[in-house]
Amino acid sequence: MTTTDNAHPYASLTPDRVLDALAAVGLRGDGRLLALGSYENRVYQAHLEDGSAVVAKFYRPGRWSDAQILEEHAFAAELAAAEVPMVAPLALHGRTLHHEGGFAFSVSPWRGGRTPELDDPEVLEWIGRFLARLHDVGAARPFAERPTLDLQSFGLAPRDWLLEHRAVPDEVRGAWQAACANALDLIANSELSACTCGTFDSKNLRSIRLHGDCHPGNILWTPHDRPGGGPHFVDLDDARSGPAVQDLWMLLSGDRRQRTAQLALLLDGYEQMRAFDRRELALIEPLRTLRLLHYSAWLARRWSDPIFPISFPWFGSVDYWRGQVQMLHEQIAAMQQEPLMA
């Protein structure tokens, strides 16, 4: 697998450069750096000379503009001001976005936590309430700079890029392309297809500011008996506009019966705080299909970054793409079924 967009962008981000960047904003590190789990960006827990710890996030060059990053920071600040559990970037010297050695970076307080136990009904209801509060803030105004989750950016563009760059092996390309065409045609005839900045279709489904990548790994949980215990987000790197259900469906897993039960608990919590338009449930499978295509293109585009071949050694093989064809066929069937109801 050799398909790439750009040369490895983090080759010059050495530990010394990270510490220099922190020193440039008045934070003196004691030399201890711990790389945290992040593929798209580089994120470090840094211990400071005063005994505290912060998280330094270095944004992947060329992915977001400064204006888009600042809009993410402003959203985080809005959430924090509304007492929604969100760790917002620190304002250092009056700014949340800084530059050093060709990298844009931000610094946030360090806050620990663990992955939530989604088999616990109380946890699912709590996360539902949490997401409703996040969406209340997200619905207050639109993004001006950050993109919308739509068919073009998450489906058509990834498909076209993968074909143009011959990322799909010859043995599988025809079957994969045919499955893509079928799946994308179904999405084009769904409510998601007419997504704009304000509505999704003539039924007037709302587009709001979202977390955008709300899977269990992006929620941290602290014990109930601690101050501020419960769920919190520490990052809004994928924040964009879209339907509220985008921030719910990735928390569902298992067979249809299990996902229906999980969805009911999430919505029980959500609707304690905010109304949810049940028509959006029909978007779950189209959104899942778009994520499948977007994910493959994301891996292919990032392959020059050494962390990707190390972390995803199975990507790009004929077996991988045969698996993708099978999953696309499964999604085609799922999109033709009745949507989940809760």
Protein backbone atom coordinates (compact mmCIF):
# COMPACT_ATOMS: atom_id res chain seq x y z
CA MET A 1 0.00 0.00 0.00
CA THR A 2 1.78 3.18 -1.18
CA THR A 3 -1.05 5.62 -1.87
CA THR A 4 -0.52 8.96 -0.09
CA ASP A 5 -1.55 12.59 -0.21
CA ASN A 6 1.57 14.25 1.18
CA ALA A 7 4.93 13.44 2.71
CA HIS A 8 4.95 12.62 6.42
CA PRO A 9 4.09 15.94 8.10
CA TYR A 10 5.39 15.19 11.59
CA ALA A 11 8.99 14.25 10.82
CA SER A 12 10.26 17.49 12.36
CA LEU A 13 8.06 17.35 15.49
CA THR A 14 10.71 16.17 17.93
CA PRO A 15 10.35 16.12 21.73
CA ASP A 16 12.59 19.19 21.91
CA ARG A 17 10.30 21.04 19.50
CA VAL A 18 7.27 20.13 21.62
CA LEU A 19 8.99 21.48 24.74
CA ASP A 20 10.10 24.61 22.84
CA ALA A 21 6.51 25.20 21.74
CA LEU A 22 5.29 24.96 25.33
CA ALA A 23 8.05 27.30 26.51
CA ALA A 24 7.03 29.82 23.84
CA VAL A 25 3.61 30.15 25.51
CA GLY A 26 5.07 30.36 29.01
CA LEU A 27 4.83 26.70 30.07
CA ARG A 28 8.07 25.14 31.28
CA GLY A 29 8.09 21.39 30.81
CA ASP A 30 10.16 19.16 33.09
CA GLY A 31 11.08 16.92 30.14
CA ARG A 32 8.43 14.24 30.60
CA LEU A 33 6.22 13.76 27.55
CA LEU A 34 3.69 10.99 26.97
CA ALA A 35 2.26 10.51 23.48
CA LEU A 36 -1.51 10.06 23.73
CA GLY A 37 -3.68 8.03 21.36
CA SER A 38 -4.23 10.14 18.26
CA TYR A 39 -3.63 9.30 14.62
CA GLU A 40 -4.83 12.44 12.86
CA ASN A 41 -2.89 14.85 15.06
CA ARG A 42 -0.05 14.49 17.54
CA VAL A 43 -1.12 14.87 21.16
CA TYR A 44 1.14 14.80 24.22
CA GLN A 45 0.65 14.85 27.95
CA ALA A 46 3.37 17.17 29.22
CA HIS A 47 4.44 17.48 32.85
CA LEU A 48 5.43 20.99 33.89
CA GLU A 49 8.04 22.20 36.33
CA ASP A 50 5.33 23.39 38.73
CA GLY A 51 4.05 19.82 39.11
CA SER A 52 0.94 20.22 36.94
CA ALA A 53 0.24 18.55 33.60
CA VAL A 54 -1.25 19.79 30.33
CA VAL A 55 -2.16 18.28 26.97
CA ALA A 56 -0.49 19.78 23.90
CA LYS A 57 -2.20 19.11 20.58
CA PHE A 58 -0.31 19.68 17.31
CA TYR A 59 -2.71 19.87 14.38
CA ARG A 60 -1.99 17.96 11.19
CA PRO A 61 -0.69 20.55 8.72
CA GLY A 62 -3.09 21.33 5.89
CA ARG A 63 -6.15 19.66 7.38
CA TRP A 64 -7.92 22.64 8.97
CA SER A 65 -7.41 26.34 8.43
CA ASP A 66 -6.70 28.57 11.43
CA ALA A 67 -10.23 29.95 11.11
CA GLN A 68 -11.71 26.44 11.30
CA ILE A 69 -9.59 25.54 14.32
CA LEU A 70 -10.55 28.75 16.10
CA GLU A 71 -14.21 27.99 15.43
CA GLU A 72 -13.71 24.60 17.10
CA HIS A 73 -12.13 26.37 20.09
CA ALA A 74 -15.00 28.85 20.27
CA PHE A 75 -17.51 25.97 20.28
CA ALA A 76 -15.60 24.29 23.12
CA ALA A 77 -15.62 27.55 25.07
CA GLU A 78 -19.39 27.90 24.52
CA LEU A 79 -19.92 24.40 25.84
CA ALA A 80 -17.75 25.01 28.88
CA ALA A 81 -19.57 28.29 29.59
CA ALA A 82 -22.88 26.40 29.46
CA GLU A 83 -21.45 23.91 32.00
CA VAL A 84 -21.42 21.09 29.46
CA PRO A 85 -18.50 18.82 30.46
CA MET A 86 -15.88 19.81 27.90
CA VAL A 87 -12.17 20.43 28.36
CA ALA A 88 -11.62 23.62 26.34
CA PRO A 89 -8.19 24.88 25.18
CA LEU A 90 -6.45 27.30 27.50
CA ALA A 91 -6.17 30.96 26.53
CA LEU A 92 -2.45 31.70 26.86
CA HIS A 93 -1.31 35.26 26.16
CA GLY A 94 -4.90 35.90 25.07
CA ARG A 95 -4.94 33.17 22.40
CA THR A 96 -6.00 29.53 22.20
CA LEU A 97 -4.19 28.78 18.91
CA HIS A 98 -0.42 29.10 18.66
CA HIS A 99 2.27 28.41 16.06
CA GLU A 100 5.77 27.05 16.44
CA GLY A 101 8.14 25.44 13.93
CA GLY A 102 5.50 25.24 11.22
CA PHE A 103 2.87 23.63 13.46
CA ALA A 104 -0.38 25.02 14.81
CA PHE A 105 -1.00 23.84 18.36
CA SER A 106 -3.20 24.32 21.39
CA VAL A 107 -2.83 23.49 25.07
CA SER A 108 -5.57 22.13 27.33
CA PRO A 109 -5.74 21.09 30.97
CA TRP A 110 -5.07 17.42 31.50
CA ARG A 111 -8.09 15.41 32.59
CA GLY A 112 -8.17 11.65 32.88
CA GLY A 113 -10.95 9.14 32.52
CA ARG A 114 -11.84 5.76 31.07
CA THR A 115 -14.05 4.47 28.29
CA PRO A 116 -17.70 4.43 29.44
CA GLU A 117 -19.39 1.10 30.15
CA LEU A 118 -22.07 1.16 27.49
CA ASP A 119 -23.69 -2.04 28.73
CA ASP A 120 -24.83 -0.09 31.81
CA PRO A 121 -28.32 1.43 31.25
CA GLU A 122 -27.58 4.29 33.65
CA VAL A 123 -24.45 5.19 31.67
CA LEU A 124 -26.34 5.25 28.36
CA GLU A 125 -29.08 7.50 29.77
CA TRP A 126 -26.46 9.81 31.27
CA ILE A 127 -24.63 10.07 27.93
CA GLY A 128 -27.98 10.79 26.25
CA ARG A 129 -28.54 13.74 28.62
CA PHE A 130 -24.99 14.88 28.04
CA LEU A 131 -25.37 14.85 24.26
CA ALA A 132 -28.68 16.71 24.47
CA ARG A 133 -26.97 19.49 26.41
CA LEU A 134 -24.17 19.57 23.83
CA HIS A 135 -26.75 19.81 21.04
CA ASP A 136 -28.64 22.60 22.79
CA VAL A 137 -25.48 24.68 22.52
CA GLY A 138 -24.78 23.39 19.02
CA ALA A 139 -28.22 24.45 17.81
CA ALA A 140 -27.84 28.02 19.07
CA ARG A 141 -25.97 29.19 15.97
CA PRO A 142 -24.38 27.65 12.84
CA PHE A 143 -20.74 27.10 12.02
CA ALA A 144 -19.39 29.65 9.57
CA GLU A 145 -16.08 27.96 8.71
CA ARG A 146 -16.34 24.27 9.48
CA PRO A 147 -17.84 21.86 6.91
CA THR A 148 -21.07 19.89 6.75
CA LEU A 149 -21.36 16.10 6.85
CA ASP A 150 -22.82 15.34 3.43
CA LEU A 151 -22.89 12.84 0.59
CA GLN A 152 -20.25 14.68 -1.43
CA SER A 153 -17.55 15.01 1.22
CA PHE A 154 -18.09 11.66 2.99
CA GLY A 155 -19.14 9.47 0.06
CA LEU A 156 -18.50 10.68 -3.48
CA ALA A 157 -15.17 12.39 -2.84
CA PRO A 158 -13.64 9.44 -0.92
CA ARG A 159 -14.80 6.98 -3.60
CA ASP A 160 -13.39 9.10 -6.40
CA TRP A 161 -10.07 9.62 -4.60
CA LEU A 162 -9.60 5.91 -3.97
CA LEU A 163 -10.31 5.08 -7.60
CA GLU A 164 -8.17 7.89 -8.98
CA HIS A 165 -5.21 6.83 -6.84
CA ARG A 166 -5.74 3.13 -7.59
CA ALA A 167 -5.91 2.33 -3.89
CA VAL A 168 -8.25 -0.62 -4.49
CA PRO A 169 -6.45 -3.71 -5.89
CA ASP A 170 -7.33 -4.76 -9.44
CA GLU A 171 -8.77 -8.08 -8.26
CA VAL A 172 -11.46 -6.32 -6.22
CA ARG A 173 -11.88 -2.93 -7.88
CA GLY A 174 -14.84 -3.82 -10.08
CA ALA A 175 -16.84 -5.44 -7.27
CA TRP A 176 -16.04 -2.61 -4.87
CA GLN A 177 -16.94 0.08 -7.40
CA ALA A 178 -20.26 -1.62 -8.17
CA ALA A 179 -21.12 -1.94 -4.47
CA CYS A 180 -20.20 1.73 -3.94
CA ALA A 181 -22.44 2.81 -6.82
CA ASN A 182 -25.39 0.87 -5.40
CA ALA A 183 -24.86 2.17 -1.86
CA LEU A 184 -24.36 5.79 -2.92
CA ASP A 185 -27.48 5.67 -5.12
CA LEU A 186 -29.51 4.60 -2.08
CA ILE A 187 -28.03 7.43 -0.01
CA ALA A 188 -28.72 9.90 -2.83
CA ASN A 189 -32.39 8.99 -2.52
CA SER A 190 -32.43 9.37 1.27
CA GLU A 191 -33.11 12.45 3.34
CA LEU A 192 -29.36 12.94 3.79
CA SER A 193 -28.77 13.68 0.11
CA ALA A 194 -30.08 17.24 0.14
CA CYS A 195 -27.98 18.31 3.11
CA THR A 196 -27.29 22.05 3.20
CA CYS A 197 -26.19 24.40 5.94
CA GLY A 198 -29.72 24.64 7.26
CA THR A 199 -31.89 21.70 6.27
CA PHE A 200 -31.58 18.14 5.02
CA ASP A 201 -34.65 17.94 2.85
CA SER A 202 -38.10 19.33 2.32
CA LYS A 203 -39.13 17.78 5.63
CA ASN A 204 -36.88 20.40 7.26
CA LEU A 205 -34.61 18.13 9.29
CA ARG A 206 -32.24 20.41 11.15
CA SER A 207 -28.49 20.68 10.77
CA ILE A 208 -26.69 21.70 13.97
CA ARG A 209 -23.15 21.95 15.26
CA LEU A 210 -22.01 18.47 16.33
CA HIS A 211 -19.16 16.70 18.04
CA GLY A 212 -19.02 14.81 14.75
CA ASP A 213 -17.01 11.72 15.79
CA CYS A 214 -18.86 10.49 18.85
CA HIS A 215 -17.66 6.92 19.27
CA PRO A 216 -16.95 5.40 22.71
CA GLY A 217 -13.22 6.14 22.50
CA ASN A 218 -13.95 9.86 22.31
CA ILE A 219 -15.91 9.94 25.57
CA LEU A 220 -14.06 9.76 28.89
CA TRP A 221 -15.82 8.73 32.08
CA THR A 222 -14.90 9.58 35.66
CA PRO A 223 -16.45 7.94 38.73
CA HIS A 224 -19.78 9.30 39.98
CA ASP A 225 -18.41 10.11 43.43
CA ARG A 226 -15.80 12.56 42.11
CA PRO A 227 -16.52 16.25 41.44
CA GLY A 228 -17.65 16.53 37.83
CA GLY A 229 -18.02 12.75 37.60
CA GLY A 230 -19.65 11.22 34.55
CA PRO A 231 -18.94 11.67 30.82
CA HIS A 232 -16.89 14.39 29.20
CA PHE A 233 -15.30 15.11 25.85
CA VAL A 234 -11.74 16.32 25.57
CA ASP A 235 -11.59 17.05 21.84
CA LEU A 236 -13.77 18.52 19.07
CA ASP A 237 -11.34 17.95 16.23
CA ASP A 238 -14.04 16.51 13.94
CA ALA A 239 -16.75 19.03 14.84
CA ARG A 240 -18.95 19.87 11.87
CA SER A 241 -22.58 20.52 10.97
CA GLY A 242 -25.02 17.67 10.54
CA PRO A 243 -28.05 15.85 11.97
CA ALA A 244 -28.20 15.24 15.72
CA VAL A 245 -28.34 11.47 15.18
CA GLN A 246 -24.72 11.53 13.94
CA ASP A 247 -23.63 11.93 17.57
CA LEU A 248 -25.74 8.97 18.72
CA TRP A 249 -25.44 6.13 16.22
CA MET A 250 -21.75 5.30 16.81
CA LEU A 251 -22.60 4.45 20.42
CA LEU A 252 -24.78 1.54 19.23
CA SER A 253 -23.38 -1.98 18.75
CA GLY A 254 -24.47 -5.59 18.50
CA ASP A 255 -27.45 -7.07 16.69
CA ARG A 256 -30.63 -5.18 15.87
CA ARG A 257 -32.30 -6.08 19.16
CA GLN A 258 -29.30 -4.87 21.17
CA ARG A 259 -28.98 -1.65 19.18
CA THR A 260 -32.69 -0.96 19.58
CA ALA A 261 -32.41 -1.33 23.36
CA GLN A 262 -29.31 0.90 23.48
CA LEU A 263 -30.97 3.54 21.33
CA ALA A 264 -34.03 3.56 23.58
CA LEU A 265 -31.84 4.25 26.63
CA LEU A 266 -29.86 6.99 24.88
CA LEU A 267 -33.06 8.69 23.75
CA ASP A 268 -34.65 8.30 27.19
CA GLY A 269 -31.82 10.41 28.54
CA TYR A 270 -31.65 12.74 25.55
CA GLU A 271 -35.36 13.59 25.61
CA GLN A 272 -35.22 14.48 29.29
CA MET A 273 -33.24 17.53 28.15
CA ARG A 274 -34.09 18.16 24.50
CA ALA A 275 -36.59 17.04 21.84
CA PHE A 276 -35.29 14.55 19.26
CA ASP A 277 -36.76 14.32 15.77
CA ARG A 278 -37.43 10.58 15.31
CA ARG A 279 -37.34 11.01 11.52
CA GLU A 280 -33.56 11.22 11.85
CA LEU A 281 -33.43 7.52 12.76
CA ALA A 282 -33.75 6.80 9.04
CA LEU A 283 -30.33 8.43 8.59
CA ILE A 284 -28.44 5.94 10.77
CA GLU A 285 -27.59 3.39 8.07
CA PRO A 286 -26.77 6.00 5.38
CA LEU A 287 -24.44 7.69 7.88
CA ARG A 288 -22.85 4.35 8.77
CA THR A 289 -22.26 3.65 5.06
CA LEU A 290 -20.65 7.05 4.50
CA ARG A 291 -18.33 6.48 7.45
CA LEU A 292 -17.26 3.15 5.94
CA LEU A 293 -16.18 4.86 2.69
CA HIS A 294 -14.65 7.86 4.41
CA TYR A 295 -12.60 5.65 6.75
CA SER A 296 -10.97 3.70 3.91
CA ALA A 297 -10.04 6.90 2.10
CA TRP A 298 -8.70 8.41 5.33
CA LEU A 299 -6.36 5.45 5.87
CA ALA A 300 -5.14 5.56 2.27
CA ARG A 301 -4.54 9.30 2.36
CA ARG A 302 -2.48 9.04 5.56
CA TRP A 303 -0.35 6.05 4.58
CA SER A 304 2.87 8.09 4.35
CA ASP A 305 2.60 8.83 8.07
CA PRO A 306 4.61 5.99 9.72
CA ILE A 307 2.09 5.57 12.53
CA PHE A 308 -0.53 4.31 10.05
CA PRO A 309 1.28 1.23 8.63
CA ILE A 310 2.29 0.34 12.20
CA SER A 311 -1.23 0.74 13.60
CA PHE A 312 -3.23 -0.62 10.64
CA PRO A 313 -1.05 -3.35 9.08
CA TRP A 314 -4.11 -5.13 7.64
CA PHE A 315 -5.16 -2.15 5.52
CA GLY A 316 -4.87 -2.25 1.74
CA SER A 317 -4.70 -6.00 1.20
CA VAL A 318 -7.01 -7.83 -1.19
CA ASP A 319 -8.67 -9.43 1.85
CA TYR A 320 -9.30 -6.01 3.37
CA TRP A 321 -11.06 -4.77 0.23
CA ARG A 322 -13.07 -7.99 -0.13
CA GLY A 323 -14.22 -7.36 3.42
CA GLN A 324 -15.21 -3.84 2.43
CA VAL A 325 -17.28 -5.18 -0.46
CA GLN A 326 -19.07 -7.53 1.94
CA MET A 327 -19.74 -4.70 4.40
CA LEU A 328 -21.08 -2.48 1.63
CA HIS A 329 -23.50 -5.25 0.60
CA GLU A 330 -24.57 -5.55 4.23
CA GLN A 331 -25.14 -1.80 4.37
CA ILE A 332 -27.15 -1.86 1.15
CA ALA A 333 -29.43 -4.45 2.77
CA ALA A 334 -29.59 -2.42 6.02
CA MET A 335 -30.55 0.77 4.19
CA GLN A 336 -33.48 -1.05 2.61
CA GLN A 337 -34.84 -2.25 5.94
CA GLU A 338 -37.11 -0.32 8.26
CA PRO A 339 -35.02 2.05 10.41
CA LEU A 340 -34.40 1.38 14.09
CA MET A 341 -37.24 2.50 16.30
CA ALA A 342 -37.04 3.40 19.97
